[in-house]
Amino acid sequence: MSLTLLKELFAGFLRDRHIARHFRRLPLILLAYMALTQAVKGFYIRKFGWQ
């Protein structure tokens, strides 16, 4: 698919401010998820050792 076709498909979808607000938060949510995953992984490695 070309980039222009994708832009046309999502143009109306992203015009809705409520939905666009969630897309702007997505990188923050993903970074928080990755940080939490690393923290829990580090905790389990310290507690139970590397297996």
PDB file of N, CA and C in Angstrom:
ATOM      1  N   MET A   1       0.834  -1.187   0.000  1.00  0.00           N
ATOM      2  CA  MET A   1       0.000   0.000   0.000  1.00  0.00           C
ATOM      3  C   MET A   1       0.871   1.240   0.000  1.00  0.00           C
ATOM      4  N   SER A   2       0.446   2.218  -0.696  1.00  0.00           N
ATOM      5  CA  SER A   2       1.246   3.437  -0.730  1.00  0.00           C
ATOM      6  C   SER A   2       0.931   4.307   0.486  1.00  0.00           C
ATOM      7  N   LEU A   3       1.845   5.174   0.764  1.00  0.00           N
ATOM      8  CA  LEU A   3       1.695   6.062   1.924  1.00  0.00           C
ATOM      9  C   LEU A   3       0.516   7.002   1.755  1.00  0.00           C
ATOM     10  N   THR A   4       0.279   7.470   0.533  1.00  0.00           N
ATOM     11  CA  THR A   4      -0.844   8.389   0.317  1.00  0.00           C
ATOM     12  C   THR A   4      -2.179   7.690   0.548  1.00  0.00           C
ATOM     13  N   LEU A   5      -2.261   6.422   0.175  1.00  0.00           N
ATOM     14  CA  LEU A   5      -3.496   5.668   0.407  1.00  0.00           C
ATOM     15  C   LEU A   5      -3.747   5.504   1.900  1.00  0.00           C
ATOM     16  N   LEU A   6      -2.691   5.217   2.645  1.00  0.00           N
ATOM     17  CA  LEU A   6      -2.839   5.090   4.101  1.00  0.00           C
ATOM     18  C   LEU A   6      -3.264   6.413   4.727  1.00  0.00           C
ATOM     19  N   LYS A   7      -2.704   7.512   4.240  1.00  0.00           N
ATOM     20  CA  LYS A   7      -3.092   8.819   4.764  1.00  0.00           C
ATOM     21  C   LYS A   7      -4.566   9.088   4.501  1.00  0.00           C
ATOM     22  N   GLU A   8      -5.032   8.728   3.309  1.00  0.00           N
ATOM     23  CA  GLU A   8      -6.444   8.943   2.984  1.00  0.00           C
ATOM     24  C   GLU A   8      -7.355   8.076   3.843  1.00  0.00           C
ATOM     25  N   LEU A   9      -6.928   6.839   4.105  1.00  0.00           N
ATOM     26  CA  LEU A   9      -7.757   5.935   4.907  1.00  0.00           C
ATOM     27  C   LEU A   9      -7.916   6.429   6.339  1.00  0.00           C
ATOM     28  N   PHE A  10      -6.828   6.953   6.911  1.00  0.00           N
ATOM     29  CA  PHE A  10      -6.856   7.354   8.314  1.00  0.00           C
ATOM     30  C   PHE A  10      -7.145   8.832   8.525  1.00  0.00           C
ATOM     31  N   ALA A  11      -7.296   9.603   7.455  1.00  0.00           N
ATOM     32  CA  ALA A  11      -7.519  11.048   7.599  1.00  0.00           C
ATOM     33  C   ALA A  11      -8.798  11.336   8.379  1.00  0.00           C
ATOM     34  N   GLY A  12      -9.904  10.729   7.994  1.00  0.00           N
ATOM     35  CA  GLY A  12     -11.156  10.950   8.698  1.00  0.00           C
ATOM     36  C   GLY A  12     -11.122  10.398  10.108  1.00  0.00           C
ATOM     37  N   PHE A  13     -10.445   9.271  10.271  1.00  0.00           N
ATOM     38  CA  PHE A  13     -10.344   8.631  11.581  1.00  0.00           C
ATOM     39  C   PHE A  13      -9.588   9.521  12.555  1.00  0.00           C
ATOM     40  N   LEU A  14      -8.520  10.156  12.088  1.00  0.00           N
ATOM     41  CA  LEU A  14      -7.695  10.973  12.977  1.00  0.00           C
ATOM     42  C   LEU A  14      -8.227  12.387  13.151  1.00  0.00           C
ATOM     43  N   ARG A  15      -9.216  12.791  12.364  1.00  0.00           N
ATOM     44  CA  ARG A  15      -9.796  14.128  12.534  1.00  0.00           C
ATOM     45  C   ARG A  15     -10.578  14.229  13.827  1.00  0.00           C
ATOM     46  N   ASP A  16     -11.104  13.113  14.282  1.00  0.00           N
ATOM     47  CA  ASP A  16     -11.845  13.095  15.544  1.00  0.00           C
ATOM     48  C   ASP A  16     -10.855  13.389  16.678  1.00  0.00           C
ATOM     49  N   ARG A  17     -11.065  14.481  17.380  1.00  0.00           N
ATOM     50  CA  ARG A  17     -10.109  14.910  18.402  1.00  0.00           C
ATOM     51  C   ARG A  17      -9.978  13.902  19.542  1.00  0.00           C
ATOM     52  N   HIS A  18     -11.042  13.228  19.880  1.00  0.00           N
ATOM     53  CA  HIS A  18     -10.989  12.263  20.971  1.00  0.00           C
ATOM     54  C   HIS A  18     -10.060  11.114  20.623  1.00  0.00           C
ATOM     55  N   ILE A  19     -10.155  10.609  19.425  1.00  0.00           N
ATOM     56  CA  ILE A  19      -9.297   9.504  18.999  1.00  0.00           C
ATOM     57  C   ILE A  19      -7.858   9.982  18.830  1.00  0.00           C
ATOM     58  N   ALA A  20      -7.677  11.170  18.257  1.00  0.00           N
ATOM     59  CA  ALA A  20      -6.331  11.701  18.056  1.00  0.00           C
ATOM     60  C   ALA A  20      -5.614  11.896  19.384  1.00  0.00           C
ATOM     61  N   ARG A  21      -6.340  12.260  20.432  1.00  0.00           N
ATOM     62  CA  ARG A  21      -5.741  12.428  21.748  1.00  0.00           C
ATOM     63  C   ARG A  21      -5.138  11.112  22.244  1.00  0.00           C
ATOM     64  N   HIS A  22      -5.825  10.011  21.999  1.00  0.00           N
ATOM     65  CA  HIS A  22      -5.306   8.708  22.416  1.00  0.00           C
ATOM     66  C   HIS A  22      -4.074   8.315  21.611  1.00  0.00           C
ATOM     67  N   PHE A  23      -4.034   8.657  20.333  1.00  0.00           N
ATOM     68  CA  PHE A  23      -2.858   8.355  19.528  1.00  0.00           C
ATOM     69  C   PHE A  23      -1.652   9.166  19.975  1.00  0.00           C
ATOM     70  N   ARG A  24      -1.878  10.386  20.478  1.00  0.00           N
ATOM     71  CA  ARG A  24      -0.755  11.169  20.991  1.00  0.00           C
ATOM     72  C   ARG A  24      -0.232  10.582  22.292  1.00  0.00           C
ATOM     73  N   ARG A  25      -1.076   9.926  23.058  1.00  0.00           N
ATOM     74  CA  ARG A  25      -0.645   9.310  24.314  1.00  0.00           C
ATOM     75  C   ARG A  25       0.008   7.955  24.104  1.00  0.00           C
ATOM     76  N   LEU A  26      -0.152   7.361  22.954  1.00  0.00           N
ATOM     77  CA  LEU A  26       0.341   6.013  22.708  1.00  0.00           C
ATOM     78  C   LEU A  26       1.838   5.861  22.964  1.00  0.00           C
ATOM     79  N   PRO A  27       2.714   6.763  22.494  1.00  0.00           N
ATOM     80  CA  PRO A  27       4.146   6.591  22.800  1.00  0.00           C
ATOM     81  C   PRO A  27       4.435   6.604  24.299  1.00  0.00           C
ATOM     82  N   LEU A  28       3.746   7.455  25.047  1.00  0.00           N
ATOM     83  CA  LEU A  28       3.937   7.493  26.497  1.00  0.00           C
ATOM     84  C   LEU A  28       3.501   6.174  27.136  1.00  0.00           C
ATOM     85  N   ILE A  29       2.379   5.654  26.709  1.00  0.00           N
ATOM     86  CA  ILE A  29       1.894   4.378  27.250  1.00  0.00           C
ATOM     87  C   ILE A  29       2.877   3.252  26.933  1.00  0.00           C
ATOM     88  N   LEU A  30       3.389   3.230  25.707  1.00  0.00           N
ATOM     89  CA  LEU A  30       4.330   2.178  25.328  1.00  0.00           C
ATOM     90  C   LEU A  30       5.642   2.292  26.106  1.00  0.00           C
ATOM     91  N   LEU A  31       6.142   3.509  26.298  1.00  0.00           N
ATOM     92  CA  LEU A  31       7.367   3.685  27.080  1.00  0.00           C
ATOM     93  C   LEU A  31       7.167   3.265  28.535  1.00  0.00           C
ATOM     94  N   ALA A  32       6.022   3.606  29.108  1.00  0.00           N
ATOM     95  CA  ALA A  32       5.731   3.203  30.484  1.00  0.00           C
ATOM     96  C   ALA A  32       5.629   1.687  30.592  1.00  0.00           C
ATOM     97  N   TYR A  33       5.018   1.048  29.601  1.00  0.00           N
ATOM     98  CA  TYR A  33       4.901  -0.410  29.587  1.00  0.00           C
ATOM     99  C   TYR A  33       6.283  -1.064  29.503  1.00  0.00           C
ATOM    100  N   MET A  34       7.151  -0.525  28.645  1.00  0.00           N
ATOM    101  CA  MET A  34       8.489  -1.099  28.514  1.00  0.00           C
ATOM    102  C   MET A  34       9.293  -0.924  29.806  1.00  0.00           C
ATOM    103  N   ALA A  35       9.179   0.243  30.442  1.00  0.00           N
ATOM    104  CA  ALA A  35       9.896   0.486  31.692  1.00  0.00           C
ATOM    105  C   ALA A  35       9.399  -0.449  32.795  1.00  0.00           C
ATOM    106  N   LEU A  36       8.094  -0.617  32.885  1.00  0.00           N
ATOM    107  CA  LEU A  36       7.546  -1.514  33.902  1.00  0.00           C
ATOM    108  C   LEU A  36       7.968  -2.952  33.654  1.00  0.00           C
ATOM    109  N   THR A  37       7.977  -3.371  32.402  1.00  0.00           N
ATOM    110  CA  THR A  37       8.398  -4.728  32.059  1.00  0.00           C
ATOM    111  C   THR A  37       9.850  -4.955  32.460  1.00  0.00           C
ATOM    112  N   GLN A  38      10.734  -3.985  32.168  1.00  0.00           N
ATOM    113  CA  GLN A  38      12.135  -4.115  32.531  1.00  0.00           C
ATOM    114  C   GLN A  38      12.311  -4.155  34.045  1.00  0.00           C
ATOM    115  N   ALA A  39      11.533  -3.359  34.769  1.00  0.00           N
ATOM    116  CA  ALA A  39      11.635  -3.337  36.224  1.00  0.00           C
ATOM    117  C   ALA A  39      11.215  -4.676  36.821  1.00  0.00           C
ATOM    118  N   VAL A  40      10.133  -5.227  36.346  1.00  0.00           N
ATOM    119  CA  VAL A  40       9.661  -6.516  36.859  1.00  0.00           C
ATOM    120  C   VAL A  40      10.644  -7.623  36.492  1.00  0.00           C
ATOM    121  N   LYS A  41      11.179  -7.567  35.282  1.00  0.00           N
ATOM    122  CA  LYS A  41      12.159  -8.564  34.859  1.00  0.00           C
ATOM    123  C   LYS A  41      13.404  -8.491  35.738  1.00  0.00           C
ATOM    124  N   GLY A  42      13.871  -7.277  36.029  1.00  0.00           N
ATOM    125  CA  GLY A  42      15.022  -7.117  36.906  1.00  0.00           C
ATOM    126  C   GLY A  42      14.753  -7.634  38.304  1.00  0.00           C
ATOM    127  N   PHE A  43      13.556  -7.396  38.809  1.00  0.00           N
ATOM    128  CA  PHE A  43      13.179  -7.894  40.129  1.00  0.00           C
ATOM    129  C   PHE A  43      13.230  -9.421  40.184  1.00  0.00           C
ATOM    130  N   TYR A  44      12.656 -10.073  39.178  1.00  0.00           N
ATOM    131  CA  TYR A  44      12.632 -11.532  39.166  1.00  0.00           C
ATOM    132  C   TYR A  44      14.025 -12.117  38.983  1.00  0.00           C
ATOM    133  N   ILE A  45      14.875 -11.454  38.194  1.00  0.00           N
ATOM    134  CA  ILE A  45      16.243 -11.949  38.013  1.00  0.00           C
ATOM    135  C   ILE A  45      17.014 -11.843  39.327  1.00  0.00           C
ATOM    136  N   ARG A  46      16.836 -10.723  40.053  1.00  0.00           N
ATOM    137  CA  ARG A  46      17.516 -10.580  41.343  1.00  0.00           C
ATOM    138  C   ARG A  46      16.986 -11.570  42.367  1.00  0.00           C
ATOM    139  N   LYS A  47      15.696 -11.816  42.349  1.00  0.00           N
ATOM    140  CA  LYS A  47      15.092 -12.695  43.347  1.00  0.00           C
ATOM    141  C   LYS A  47      15.367 -14.172  43.078  1.00  0.00           C
ATOM    142  N   PHE A  48      15.232 -14.598  41.831  1.00  0.00           N
ATOM    143  CA  PHE A  48      15.343 -16.014  41.509  1.00  0.00           C
ATOM    144  C   PHE A  48      16.589 -16.360  40.705  1.00  0.00           C
ATOM    145  N   GLY A  49      17.352 -15.401  40.283  1.00  0.00           N
ATOM    146  CA  GLY A  49      18.561 -15.657  39.507  1.00  0.00           C
ATOM    147  C   GLY A  49      18.252 -15.864  38.034  1.00  0.00           C
ATOM    148  N   TRP A  50      19.299 -15.847  37.237  1.00  0.00           N
ATOM    149  CA  TRP A  50      19.170 -16.038  35.793  1.00  0.00           C
ATOM    150  C   TRP A  50      19.068 -17.528  35.491  1.00  0.00           C
ATOM    151  N   GLN A  51      18.071 -17.928  34.732  1.00  0.00           N
ATOM    152  CA  GLN A  51      17.894 -19.364  34.490  1.00  0.00           C
ATOM    153  C   GLN A  51      18.052 -19.682  33.047  1.00  0.00           C
TER     154      GLN A  51
END
